[in-house]
Amino acid sequence: MRRRYRQNPKTLEMELVSDNTVRERGILICPDIEPFKSSIDGSTISGRAALRNHNKRHDVTNPADFTNHWQQTARERERMYTGDPSFDRKRRTEAVRQAVEKHEQRRR
């Protein structure tokens, strides 16, 4: 049971603000991935850590990293074409400059 208290400024007594009960949760364990063969170098990847290292070594990513990416990009593109004032040219120019700098740093 979770309770929150606060001090009354006049009486300096602690007063109960809320009495929230914490819901019980089941075990939140994500199972490991099944071993598979890499299409890049043919090595066998047998776990999440191995997949993370493989992706970092070959500078690739998983499709799951792009969840909702295309829908969000389409909304931003629509804002640009409709002339939304919150989508300004300076911000776009700055984003392109930062992307170029980031790419140059990765190549070093």
C-alpha atoms as a PDB file:
ATOM      1  CA  MET A   1       0.000   0.000   0.000  1.00  0.00           C
ATOM      2  CA  ARG A   2       1.369   3.387  -0.937  1.00  0.00           C
ATOM      3  CA  ARG A   3       0.439   6.512   0.976  1.00  0.00           C
ATOM      4  CA  ARG A   4       1.472  10.127   0.482  1.00  0.00           C
ATOM      5  CA  TYR A   5       1.553  12.699   3.259  1.00  0.00           C
ATOM      6  CA  ARG A   6       2.151  16.417   3.461  1.00  0.00           C
ATOM      7  CA  GLN A   7       2.709  18.762   6.345  1.00  0.00           C
ATOM      8  CA  ASN A   8      -0.077  21.190   7.155  1.00  0.00           C
ATOM      9  CA  PRO A   9       1.551  24.658   7.324  1.00  0.00           C
ATOM     10  CA  LYS A  10      -0.754  25.857  10.122  1.00  0.00           C
ATOM     11  CA  THR A  11      -0.880  22.876  12.464  1.00  0.00           C
ATOM     12  CA  LEU A  12       2.461  21.348  11.357  1.00  0.00           C
ATOM     13  CA  GLU A  13       0.776  17.927  11.447  1.00  0.00           C
ATOM     14  CA  MET A  14       1.207  15.337   8.715  1.00  0.00           C
ATOM     15  CA  GLU A  15      -1.972  14.857   6.669  1.00  0.00           C
ATOM     16  CA  LEU A  16      -2.795  11.963   4.375  1.00  0.00           C
ATOM     17  CA  VAL A  17      -2.918  13.234   0.767  1.00  0.00           C
ATOM     18  CA  SER A  18      -3.647   9.986  -1.069  1.00  0.00           C
ATOM     19  CA  ASP A  19      -3.991   6.341  -0.283  1.00  0.00           C
ATOM     20  CA  ASN A  20      -3.151   4.480  -3.495  1.00  0.00           C
ATOM     21  CA  THR A  21      -2.900   0.746  -3.507  1.00  0.00           C
ATOM     22  CA  VAL A  22      -0.167  -0.671  -5.660  1.00  0.00           C
ATOM     23  CA  ARG A  23      -1.404  -3.249  -8.134  1.00  0.00           C
ATOM     24  CA  GLU A  24       0.403  -6.538  -8.163  1.00  0.00           C
ATOM     25  CA  ARG A  25       2.275  -7.269 -11.355  1.00  0.00           C
ATOM     26  CA  GLY A  26       3.411 -10.519 -12.754  1.00  0.00           C
ATOM     27  CA  ILE A  27       6.989 -11.287 -13.572  1.00  0.00           C
ATOM     28  CA  LEU A  28       8.174  -8.996 -16.375  1.00  0.00           C
ATOM     29  CA  ILE A  29      10.876 -11.100 -17.962  1.00  0.00           C
ATOM     30  CA  CYS A  30      11.471 -10.910 -21.680  1.00  0.00           C
ATOM     31  CA  PRO A  31      12.732 -14.211 -23.077  1.00  0.00           C
ATOM     32  CA  ASP A  32      16.000 -14.296 -24.962  1.00  0.00           C
ATOM     33  CA  ILE A  33      15.951 -14.460 -28.742  1.00  0.00           C
ATOM     34  CA  GLU A  34      16.399 -17.714 -30.607  1.00  0.00           C
ATOM     35  CA  PRO A  35      19.834 -18.245 -32.185  1.00  0.00           C
ATOM     36  CA  PHE A  36      19.995 -17.282 -35.861  1.00  0.00           C
ATOM     37  CA  LYS A  37      22.525 -16.836 -38.617  1.00  0.00           C
ATOM     38  CA  SER A  38      23.558 -13.313 -39.594  1.00  0.00           C
ATOM     39  CA  SER A  39      22.901 -12.372 -43.197  1.00  0.00           C
ATOM     40  CA  ILE A  40      25.835  -9.941 -43.079  1.00  0.00           C
ATOM     41  CA  ASP A  41      28.773 -12.150 -42.127  1.00  0.00           C
ATOM     42  CA  GLY A  42      27.219 -15.592 -41.580  1.00  0.00           C
ATOM     43  CA  SER A  43      28.008 -15.769 -37.871  1.00  0.00           C
ATOM     44  CA  THR A  44      25.554 -17.311 -35.400  1.00  0.00           C
ATOM     45  CA  ILE A  45      23.936 -14.807 -33.047  1.00  0.00           C
ATOM     46  CA  SER A  46      22.664 -16.426 -29.874  1.00  0.00           C
ATOM     47  CA  GLY A  47      21.327 -13.683 -27.616  1.00  0.00           C
ATOM     48  CA  ARG A  48      20.423 -10.043 -27.220  1.00  0.00           C
ATOM     49  CA  ALA A  49      23.916  -9.009 -26.140  1.00  0.00           C
ATOM     50  CA  ALA A  50      25.440 -10.788 -29.144  1.00  0.00           C
ATOM     51  CA  LEU A  51      22.916  -9.080 -31.442  1.00  0.00           C
ATOM     52  CA  ARG A  52      23.721  -5.668 -29.917  1.00  0.00           C
ATOM     53  CA  ASN A  53      27.463  -6.223 -30.418  1.00  0.00           C
ATOM     54  CA  HIS A  54      26.927  -7.527 -33.963  1.00  0.00           C
ATOM     55  CA  ASN A  55      24.827  -4.477 -34.887  1.00  0.00           C
ATOM     56  CA  LYS A  56      27.408  -2.121 -33.421  1.00  0.00           C
ATOM     57  CA  ARG A  57      30.302  -3.880 -35.147  1.00  0.00           C
ATOM     58  CA  HIS A  58      28.613  -3.747 -38.574  1.00  0.00           C
ATOM     59  CA  ASP A  59      26.899  -0.365 -38.044  1.00  0.00           C
ATOM     60  CA  VAL A  60      23.385  -1.731 -38.691  1.00  0.00           C
ATOM     61  CA  THR A  61      20.091  -1.638 -36.795  1.00  0.00           C
ATOM     62  CA  ASN A  62      16.901  -3.659 -36.320  1.00  0.00           C
ATOM     63  CA  PRO A  63      13.585  -2.819 -38.016  1.00  0.00           C
ATOM     64  CA  ALA A  64      12.046  -2.651 -34.527  1.00  0.00           C
ATOM     65  CA  ASP A  65      14.091   0.517 -33.931  1.00  0.00           C
ATOM     66  CA  PHE A  66      11.893   2.260 -36.510  1.00  0.00           C
ATOM     67  CA  THR A  67       8.541   1.601 -34.809  1.00  0.00           C
ATOM     68  CA  ASN A  68       6.217   4.521 -35.685  1.00  0.00           C
ATOM     69  CA  HIS A  69       9.147   6.273 -37.394  1.00  0.00           C
ATOM     70  CA  TRP A  70       7.519   6.425 -40.826  1.00  0.00           C
ATOM     71  CA  GLN A  71       4.174   7.701 -39.497  1.00  0.00           C
ATOM     72  CA  GLN A  72       5.904  10.445 -37.518  1.00  0.00           C
ATOM     73  CA  THR A  73       8.033  11.420 -40.515  1.00  0.00           C
ATOM     74  CA  ALA A  74       4.922  11.632 -42.708  1.00  0.00           C
ATOM     75  CA  ARG A  75       3.248  13.950 -40.168  1.00  0.00           C
ATOM     76  CA  GLU A  76       6.315  16.217 -40.062  1.00  0.00           C
ATOM     77  CA  ARG A  77       6.504  16.293 -43.864  1.00  0.00           C
ATOM     78  CA  GLU A  78       2.802  17.226 -44.018  1.00  0.00           C
ATOM     79  CA  ARG A  79       3.424  20.090 -41.571  1.00  0.00           C
ATOM     80  CA  MET A  80       6.247  21.353 -43.785  1.00  0.00           C
ATOM     81  CA  TYR A  81       4.127  21.314 -46.951  1.00  0.00           C
ATOM     82  CA  THR A  82       1.063  22.949 -45.356  1.00  0.00           C
ATOM     83  CA  GLY A  83       3.116  25.881 -44.069  1.00  0.00           C
ATOM     84  CA  ASP A  84       2.786  25.185 -40.363  1.00  0.00           C
ATOM     85  CA  PRO A  85       4.512  28.095 -38.569  1.00  0.00           C
ATOM     86  CA  SER A  86       6.046  25.761 -35.979  1.00  0.00           C
ATOM     87  CA  PHE A  87       8.056  24.074 -38.752  1.00  0.00           C
ATOM     88  CA  ASP A  88      10.591  26.708 -39.651  1.00  0.00           C
ATOM     89  CA  ARG A  89      13.487  26.736 -42.067  1.00  0.00           C
ATOM     90  CA  LYS A  90      16.101  27.613 -39.436  1.00  0.00           C
ATOM     91  CA  ARG A  91      15.314  24.528 -37.389  1.00  0.00           C
ATOM     92  CA  ARG A  92      15.520  22.297 -40.467  1.00  0.00           C
ATOM     93  CA  THR A  93      18.835  23.859 -41.504  1.00  0.00           C
ATOM     94  CA  GLU A  94      20.243  23.332 -38.002  1.00  0.00           C
ATOM     95  CA  ALA A  95      19.108  19.689 -38.008  1.00  0.00           C
ATOM     96  CA  VAL A  96      20.859  19.070 -41.345  1.00  0.00           C
ATOM     97  CA  ARG A  97      24.039  20.727 -40.063  1.00  0.00           C
ATOM     98  CA  GLN A  98      24.016  18.553 -36.930  1.00  0.00           C
ATOM     99  CA  ALA A  99      23.444  15.403 -38.985  1.00  0.00           C
ATOM    100  CA  VAL A 100      26.414  16.232 -41.227  1.00  0.00           C
ATOM    101  CA  GLU A 101      28.642  16.908 -38.201  1.00  0.00           C
ATOM    102  CA  LYS A 102      27.570  13.648 -36.570  1.00  0.00           C
ATOM    103  CA  HIS A 103      28.355  11.751 -39.779  1.00  0.00           C
ATOM    104  CA  GLU A 104      31.789  13.376 -40.034  1.00  0.00           C
ATOM    105  CA  GLN A 105      32.590  12.475 -36.403  1.00  0.00           C
ATOM    106  CA  ARG A 106      31.653   8.838 -37.015  1.00  0.00           C
ATOM    107  CA  ARG A 107      34.042   8.656 -39.967  1.00  0.00           C
ATOM    108  CA  ARG A 108      37.028   9.827 -37.905  1.00  0.00           C
END
